[in-house]
């Protein structure tokens, strides 16, 4: 199924291919817990930035591997390149329009990222 998504002001728009029922992760690390991000990690081939490259700014921390991309106008992070899957994209399920019919949320212990990141590595693999 193809989903559309956007930031709050609409400057950044994406498309993502994902199942009708989405299984995503809710991470308890400092940045995810504060932003309320729900993670849908997909291969690069399942993601498309429709518009807004010029509206994005990037934030990195720690190792600098993850590229957190934010709309510079409204501050919403629609997607980013995750440290656990640098070959894919991580889409915020809360930014999808319309919302999927069913969302299954799995907790992820990102506070202990080094010990748990391997459980996510397969999510950006081509199916």
Protein backbone atom coordinates (compact mmCIF):
# COMPACT_ATOMS: atom_id res chain seq x y z
CA UNK A 1 0.00 0.00 0.00
CA UNK A 2 1.24 3.51 -0.76
CA UNK A 3 0.91 6.09 2.02
CA UNK A 4 1.30 9.85 1.80
CA UNK A 5 2.78 11.91 4.61
CA UNK A 6 3.75 15.45 5.46
CA UNK A 7 4.99 17.81 8.10
CA UNK A 8 2.54 20.16 9.87
CA UNK A 9 2.90 23.08 7.44
CA UNK A 10 2.97 20.85 4.32
CA UNK A 11 6.36 22.01 3.05
CA UNK A 12 7.73 18.44 3.29
CA UNK A 13 5.77 15.67 1.57
CA UNK A 14 6.65 11.99 1.27
CA UNK A 15 5.33 8.72 -0.11
CA UNK A 16 6.08 5.36 1.46
CA UNK A 17 5.13 1.80 0.57
CA UNK A 18 4.15 -0.31 3.56
CA UNK A 19 1.63 -3.01 4.47
CA UNK A 20 -1.98 -2.09 5.18
CA UNK A 21 -1.43 -3.03 8.83
CA UNK A 22 1.67 -1.23 10.02
CA UNK A 23 3.91 -2.61 12.73
CA UNK A 24 6.12 0.10 14.16
CA UNK A 25 8.42 0.75 17.09
CA UNK A 26 8.03 3.26 19.89
CA UNK A 27 11.50 4.04 21.19
CA UNK A 28 12.26 5.29 24.70
CA UNK A 29 15.56 7.04 23.87
CA UNK A 30 15.87 10.72 24.71
CA UNK A 31 15.04 12.18 21.28
CA UNK A 32 12.21 9.77 20.39
CA UNK A 33 10.51 9.94 23.78
CA UNK A 34 10.51 13.75 23.69
CA UNK A 35 9.16 13.93 20.13
CA UNK A 36 6.64 11.05 20.27
CA UNK A 37 8.05 9.46 17.11
CA UNK A 38 6.58 6.12 15.91
CA UNK A 39 9.17 4.32 13.74
CA UNK A 40 8.36 2.68 10.42
CA UNK A 41 11.71 1.61 8.94
CA UNK A 42 11.64 0.84 5.21
CA UNK A 43 14.16 0.16 2.41
CA UNK A 44 15.21 3.13 0.27
CA UNK A 45 13.16 1.73 -2.62
CA UNK A 46 9.94 2.05 -0.55
CA UNK A 47 10.45 5.76 0.21
CA UNK A 48 10.15 8.90 -1.91
CA UNK A 49 10.58 12.53 -0.92
CA UNK A 50 7.86 14.17 -3.02
CA UNK A 51 8.78 17.74 -2.14
CA UNK A 52 10.59 19.80 0.42
CA UNK A 53 14.29 18.97 0.20
CA UNK A 54 14.95 22.71 0.42
CA UNK A 55 12.68 22.96 3.50
CA UNK A 56 14.68 20.39 5.49
CA UNK A 57 17.43 20.88 8.01
CA UNK A 58 19.53 18.10 9.54
CA UNK A 59 20.42 17.37 13.15
CA UNK A 60 23.00 14.77 14.18
CA UNK A 61 24.45 13.77 17.54
CA UNK A 62 26.57 11.06 19.15
CA UNK A 63 28.11 9.08 16.24
CA UNK A 64 26.60 11.33 13.55
CA UNK A 65 25.33 8.29 11.64
CA UNK A 66 21.63 9.06 12.07
CA UNK A 67 20.52 12.04 9.99
CA UNK A 68 17.47 13.57 11.68
CA UNK A 69 15.72 15.65 9.00
CA UNK A 70 13.31 18.34 10.23
CA UNK A 71 11.11 20.86 8.44
CA UNK A 72 12.82 24.18 9.09
CA UNK A 73 9.43 25.96 9.16
CA UNK A 74 7.28 23.85 11.51
CA UNK A 75 9.93 21.64 13.15
CA UNK A 76 8.25 18.31 12.41
CA UNK A 77 10.42 15.27 11.66
CA UNK A 78 8.53 13.30 9.00
CA UNK A 79 11.45 10.94 8.29
CA UNK A 80 15.13 10.44 8.93
CA UNK A 81 18.01 8.13 8.11
CA UNK A 82 18.37 5.85 11.15
CA UNK A 83 21.62 4.73 12.69
CA UNK A 84 20.25 1.17 12.90
CA UNK A 85 19.44 1.13 9.17
CA UNK A 86 21.57 3.76 7.37
CA UNK A 87 20.61 2.14 4.05
CA UNK A 88 16.92 2.85 4.59
CA UNK A 89 14.51 5.45 5.87
CA UNK A 90 12.58 5.75 9.12
CA UNK A 91 9.16 7.36 8.66
CA UNK A 92 7.09 8.82 11.49
CA UNK A 93 3.79 6.89 11.38
CA UNK A 94 2.09 9.88 13.04
CA UNK A 95 2.80 11.95 9.89
CA UNK A 96 0.98 9.59 7.50
CA UNK A 97 -2.23 10.82 5.85
CA UNK A 98 -4.64 9.21 6.21
CA UNK A 99 -3.56 7.17 9.20
CA UNK A 100 -3.30 3.42 8.58
CA UNK A 101 -6.37 1.39 9.52
CA UNK A 102 -4.39 -0.63 12.02
CA UNK A 103 -1.11 0.21 13.73
CA UNK A 104 0.67 -2.29 15.95
CA UNK A 105 3.12 -0.51 18.26
CA UNK A 106 6.03 -2.46 19.72
CA UNK A 107 8.15 -0.96 22.48
CA UNK A 108 11.85 -0.60 21.69
CA UNK A 109 14.48 0.00 24.38
CA UNK A 110 16.50 2.74 22.73
CA UNK A 111 17.91 3.90 26.04
CA UNK A 112 20.10 0.82 25.74
CA UNK A 113 20.59 1.22 22.00
CA UNK A 114 23.89 -0.63 21.63
CA UNK A 115 22.41 -3.79 23.17
CA UNK A 116 19.15 -3.69 21.18
CA UNK A 117 19.86 -2.12 17.76
CA UNK A 118 20.53 -5.46 16.11
CA UNK A 119 16.84 -6.32 16.44
CA UNK A 120 16.06 -3.54 13.92
CA UNK A 121 18.76 -4.22 11.32
CA UNK A 122 16.55 -6.36 9.06
CA UNK A 123 13.82 -3.72 8.66
CA UNK A 124 15.39 -1.85 5.73
CA UNK A 125 16.29 -4.97 3.76
CA UNK A 126 14.73 -5.29 0.33
CA UNK A 127 11.86 -7.78 0.46
